[in-house]
Protein backbone atom coordinates (compact mmCIF):
# COMPACT_ATOMS: atom_id res chain seq x y z
CA MET A 1 0.36 0.01 -0.21
CA SER A 2 2.78 2.27 -1.07
CA GLN A 3 1.34 4.72 -2.58
CA VAL A 4 -2.56 6.34 -1.52
CA THR A 5 -5.07 6.94 -3.56
CA ASN A 6 -8.07 6.99 -1.65
CA SER A 7 -8.69 8.81 1.17
CA TRP A 8 -9.37 5.98 3.76
CA GLN A 9 -5.43 4.21 3.05
CA LEU A 10 -4.70 7.07 5.33
CA LYS A 11 -6.23 5.66 8.53
CA ALA A 12 -5.27 2.17 8.01
CA ALA A 13 -4.22 0.44 11.18
CA CYS A 14 -1.76 -1.40 8.71
CA ARG A 15 0.44 1.85 7.58
CA GLY A 16 3.88 1.98 8.88
CA PRO A 17 7.11 -0.43 9.94
CA GLN A 18 4.29 -2.83 10.48
CA ALA A 19 3.35 -2.99 6.74
CA GLU A 20 5.67 -5.71 5.49
CA ILE A 21 3.69 -8.58 7.50
CA PHE A 22 0.66 -8.02 5.66
CA PHE A 23 2.84 -9.19 2.24
CA PRO A 24 4.65 -12.53 1.33
CA PRO A 25 8.75 -12.06 2.03
CA ALA A 26 11.24 -12.13 -1.20
CA HIS A 27 12.44 -15.06 -0.16
CA ALA A 28 10.60 -18.77 0.57
CA GLU A 29 8.90 -18.92 3.92
CA ARG A 30 7.58 -21.98 5.44
CA LYS A 31 3.55 -22.83 5.89
CA GLU A 32 3.93 -22.23 9.56
CA GLU A 33 5.90 -18.96 9.08
CA LYS A 34 3.27 -17.39 6.52
CA LEU A 35 0.32 -18.60 9.03
CA GLN A 36 1.70 -16.50 12.04
CA ARG A 37 3.07 -14.01 9.95
CA GLU A 38 -0.74 -13.83 8.14
CA GLU A 39 -2.44 -13.88 12.09
CA ARG A 40 -0.14 -10.81 13.20
CA ALA A 41 -1.77 -8.99 10.14
CA LYS A 42 -5.00 -10.25 10.17
CA SER A 43 -5.23 -9.24 14.23
CA ILE A 44 -4.20 -5.31 12.95
CA CYS A 45 -6.72 -5.47 10.70
CA LYS A 46 -9.49 -6.60 13.33
CA VAL A 47 -8.65 -3.07 15.14
CA CYS A 48 -8.73 -1.35 12.00
CA SER A 49 -11.63 1.05 11.47
CA VAL A 50 -10.82 0.87 7.63
CA ARG A 51 -11.05 -2.52 6.92
CA ALA A 52 -14.26 -2.56 5.19
CA GLU A 53 -13.18 -0.37 2.61
CA CYS A 54 -9.84 -1.96 2.46
CA LEU A 55 -11.50 -4.96 1.66
CA GLU A 56 -13.96 -3.56 -1.10
CA TYR A 57 -10.56 -2.06 -2.53
CA ALA A 58 -8.89 -5.30 -2.68
CA LEU A 59 -11.54 -7.25 -4.34
CA ARG A 60 -12.46 -4.57 -6.36
CA ILE A 61 -9.09 -4.05 -7.92
CA ARG A 62 -8.25 -8.37 -7.47
CA GLU A 63 -5.70 -7.85 -5.39
CA PRO A 64 -3.66 -11.02 -5.94
CA HIS A 65 -1.20 -10.20 -3.00
CA GLY A 66 -1.32 -10.06 0.27
CA ILE A 67 -3.99 -9.86 3.78
CA TRP A 68 -6.29 -6.68 2.40
CA GLY A 69 -9.35 -6.26 5.00
CA GLY A 70 -8.57 -9.07 7.30
CA LEU A 71 -8.21 -11.80 4.19
CA ASN A 72 -5.54 -13.31 2.80
CA GLU A 73 -5.51 -14.15 -1.11
CA MET A 74 -7.49 -17.16 -0.93
CA GLU A 75 -9.87 -16.22 1.43
CA ARG A 76 -10.89 -12.77 -1.01
CA ARG A 77 -10.83 -15.26 -3.92
CA GLN A 78 -13.81 -17.37 -1.88
CA HIS A 79 -15.41 -14.16 -0.73
CA ALA A 80 -15.73 -13.04 -4.39
CA GLU A 81 -17.47 -15.94 -5.69
CA ARG A 82 -19.08 -16.01 -2.43
CA LYS A 83 -20.93 -12.90 -3.41
CA VAL A 84 -21.14 -13.51 -7.30
CA GLY A 85 -22.90 -17.24 -6.75
């Protein structure tokens, strides 16, 4: 979320140095490490005042990476399929 294009992004709890946990690292991570990283990110999302806007944005642009609105890539895909189906 480096480029702020929507005002809700300015209020996002993920802004700042902890933002890196919302995306996979450049190196390979073990499944257990991924789950722990995603849980830490999701715990920040739980208290975020713009969580709904974030999720809507990620779904609209079909963001393929990271935790957005408290959901990972697979969870967003499933959410989008439920909305369509």
